[in-house]
Amino acid sequence: MAYRGPSTSGGGGGYESSYLERHNDSLVEELSTKVAALKKVTISIGEDVREQNRLLSGLDDDFDSSKGLLMSYDESDWES
């Protein structure tokens, strides 16, 4: 229902205005609940991203260590 401004007809304008106000309050409450849920999801995603970045950084360090260890061997060490 679209808001059409104050009612100019008889005594029913107060009721319509009151109805619209309650309806708007209900919609605001609904939106507020959805925003709060979205905020929780967003925070959770951020925490997951930070954790995954930490794990990836650790893997990068492990691969660098392995690369250094493998490069320290001379090819002649592999020939018997």
C-alpha atoms as a PDB file:
ATOM      1  CA  MET A   1       0.000   0.000   0.000  1.00  0.00           C
ATOM      2  CA  ALA A   2       1.524   3.321  -1.042  1.00  0.00           C
ATOM      3  CA  TYR A   3       1.322   6.298   1.278  1.00  0.00           C
ATOM      4  CA  ARG A   4      -0.815   9.053  -0.260  1.00  0.00           C
ATOM      5  CA  GLY A   5      -0.315  11.816   2.292  1.00  0.00           C
ATOM      6  CA  PRO A   6      -2.776  12.941   4.945  1.00  0.00           C
ATOM      7  CA  SER A   7      -6.351  11.923   4.371  1.00  0.00           C
ATOM      8  CA  THR A   8      -8.685  14.792   3.557  1.00  0.00           C
ATOM      9  CA  SER A   9     -11.856  12.762   3.931  1.00  0.00           C
ATOM     10  CA  GLY A  10     -13.834  12.740   7.169  1.00  0.00           C
ATOM     11  CA  GLY A  11     -12.853  11.066  10.424  1.00  0.00           C
ATOM     12  CA  GLY A  12     -11.129   7.979   8.992  1.00  0.00           C
ATOM     13  CA  GLY A  13      -7.804   9.732   8.428  1.00  0.00           C
ATOM     14  CA  GLY A  14      -6.533   9.100  11.938  1.00  0.00           C
ATOM     15  CA  TYR A  15      -7.161   5.377  11.609  1.00  0.00           C
ATOM     16  CA  GLU A  16      -5.386   5.181   8.245  1.00  0.00           C
ATOM     17  CA  SER A  17      -2.454   7.166   9.580  1.00  0.00           C
ATOM     18  CA  SER A  18      -2.248   4.933  12.640  1.00  0.00           C
ATOM     19  CA  TYR A  19      -2.403   1.824  10.451  1.00  0.00           C
ATOM     20  CA  LEU A  20       0.365   3.114   8.195  1.00  0.00           C
ATOM     21  CA  GLU A  21       2.523   3.988  11.195  1.00  0.00           C
ATOM     22  CA  ARG A  22       2.122   0.483  12.660  1.00  0.00           C
ATOM     23  CA  HIS A  23       2.804  -1.057   9.264  1.00  0.00           C
ATOM     24  CA  ASN A  24       5.955   1.046   8.832  1.00  0.00           C
ATOM     25  CA  ASP A  25       7.114   0.133  12.349  1.00  0.00           C
ATOM     26  CA  SER A  26       6.628  -3.531  11.506  1.00  0.00           C
ATOM     27  CA  LEU A  27       8.645  -3.183   8.301  1.00  0.00           C
ATOM     28  CA  VAL A  28      11.414  -1.305  10.128  1.00  0.00           C
ATOM     29  CA  GLU A  29      11.591  -4.068  12.751  1.00  0.00           C
ATOM     30  CA  GLU A  30      11.763  -6.711  10.020  1.00  0.00           C
ATOM     31  CA  LEU A  31      14.522  -4.816   8.243  1.00  0.00           C
ATOM     32  CA  SER A  32      16.418  -4.332  11.497  1.00  0.00           C
ATOM     33  CA  THR A  33      16.324  -8.083  12.153  1.00  0.00           C
ATOM     34  CA  LYS A  34      17.623  -8.813   8.665  1.00  0.00           C
ATOM     35  CA  VAL A  35      20.410  -6.233   8.991  1.00  0.00           C
ATOM     36  CA  ALA A  36      21.492  -7.767  12.313  1.00  0.00           C
ATOM     37  CA  ALA A  37      21.595 -11.237  10.731  1.00  0.00           C
ATOM     38  CA  LEU A  38      23.565  -9.909   7.767  1.00  0.00           C
ATOM     39  CA  LYS A  39      26.028  -8.236  10.133  1.00  0.00           C
ATOM     40  CA  LYS A  40      26.618 -11.551  11.938  1.00  0.00           C
ATOM     41  CA  VAL A  41      27.203 -13.356   8.636  1.00  0.00           C
ATOM     42  CA  THR A  42      29.575 -10.623   7.448  1.00  0.00           C
ATOM     43  CA  ILE A  43      31.596 -10.760  10.672  1.00  0.00           C
ATOM     44  CA  SER A  44      31.769 -14.548  10.429  1.00  0.00           C
ATOM     45  CA  ILE A  45      32.986 -14.363   6.822  1.00  0.00           C
ATOM     46  CA  GLY A  46      35.668 -11.862   7.856  1.00  0.00           C
ATOM     47  CA  GLU A  47      36.858 -14.167  10.643  1.00  0.00           C
ATOM     48  CA  ASP A  48      36.981 -17.122   8.234  1.00  0.00           C
ATOM     49  CA  VAL A  49      38.958 -15.107   5.684  1.00  0.00           C
ATOM     50  CA  ARG A  50      41.502 -14.062   8.320  1.00  0.00           C
ATOM     51  CA  GLU A  51      41.893 -17.678   9.472  1.00  0.00           C
ATOM     52  CA  GLN A  52      42.308 -18.941   5.907  1.00  0.00           C
ATOM     53  CA  ASN A  53      44.895 -16.245   5.186  1.00  0.00           C
ATOM     54  CA  ARG A  54      46.798 -17.302   8.316  1.00  0.00           C
ATOM     55  CA  LEU A  55      46.751 -20.944   7.171  1.00  0.00           C
ATOM     56  CA  LEU A  56      47.837 -20.016   3.645  1.00  0.00           C
ATOM     57  CA  SER A  57      50.686 -17.947   5.026  1.00  0.00           C
ATOM     58  CA  GLY A  58      51.810 -20.948   7.071  1.00  0.00           C
ATOM     59  CA  LEU A  59      51.671 -23.167   3.986  1.00  0.00           C
ATOM     60  CA  ASP A  60      53.708 -20.622   2.047  1.00  0.00           C
ATOM     61  CA  ASP A  61      56.365 -20.688   4.775  1.00  0.00           C
ATOM     62  CA  ASP A  62      56.373 -24.511   4.750  1.00  0.00           C
ATOM     63  CA  PHE A  63      56.801 -24.625   0.968  1.00  0.00           C
ATOM     64  CA  ASP A  64      59.624 -22.086   1.122  1.00  0.00           C
ATOM     65  CA  SER A  65      61.389 -24.211   3.749  1.00  0.00           C
ATOM     66  CA  SER A  66      60.931 -27.354   1.658  1.00  0.00           C
ATOM     67  CA  LYS A  67      62.201 -25.575  -1.445  1.00  0.00           C
ATOM     68  CA  GLY A  68      65.278 -24.379   0.407  1.00  0.00           C
ATOM     69  CA  LEU A  69      65.966 -27.864   1.751  1.00  0.00           C
ATOM     70  CA  LEU A  70      65.598 -29.470  -1.675  1.00  0.00           C
ATOM     71  CA  MET A  71      67.796 -26.853  -3.327  1.00  0.00           C
ATOM     72  CA  SER A  72      70.524 -27.413  -0.751  1.00  0.00           C
ATOM     73  CA  TYR A  73      71.078 -30.927  -2.093  1.00  0.00           C
ATOM     74  CA  ASP A  74      73.521 -31.130  -4.959  1.00  0.00           C
ATOM     75  CA  GLU A  75      72.588 -33.307  -7.920  1.00  0.00           C
ATOM     76  CA  SER A  76      75.597 -35.460  -7.164  1.00  0.00           C
ATOM     77  CA  ASP A  77      74.041 -36.339  -3.817  1.00  0.00           C
ATOM     78  CA  TRP A  78      71.272 -38.106  -5.720  1.00  0.00           C
ATOM     79  CA  GLU A  79      73.647 -40.158  -7.908  1.00  0.00           C
ATOM     80  CA  SER A  80      74.934 -43.346  -6.368  1.00  0.00           C
END
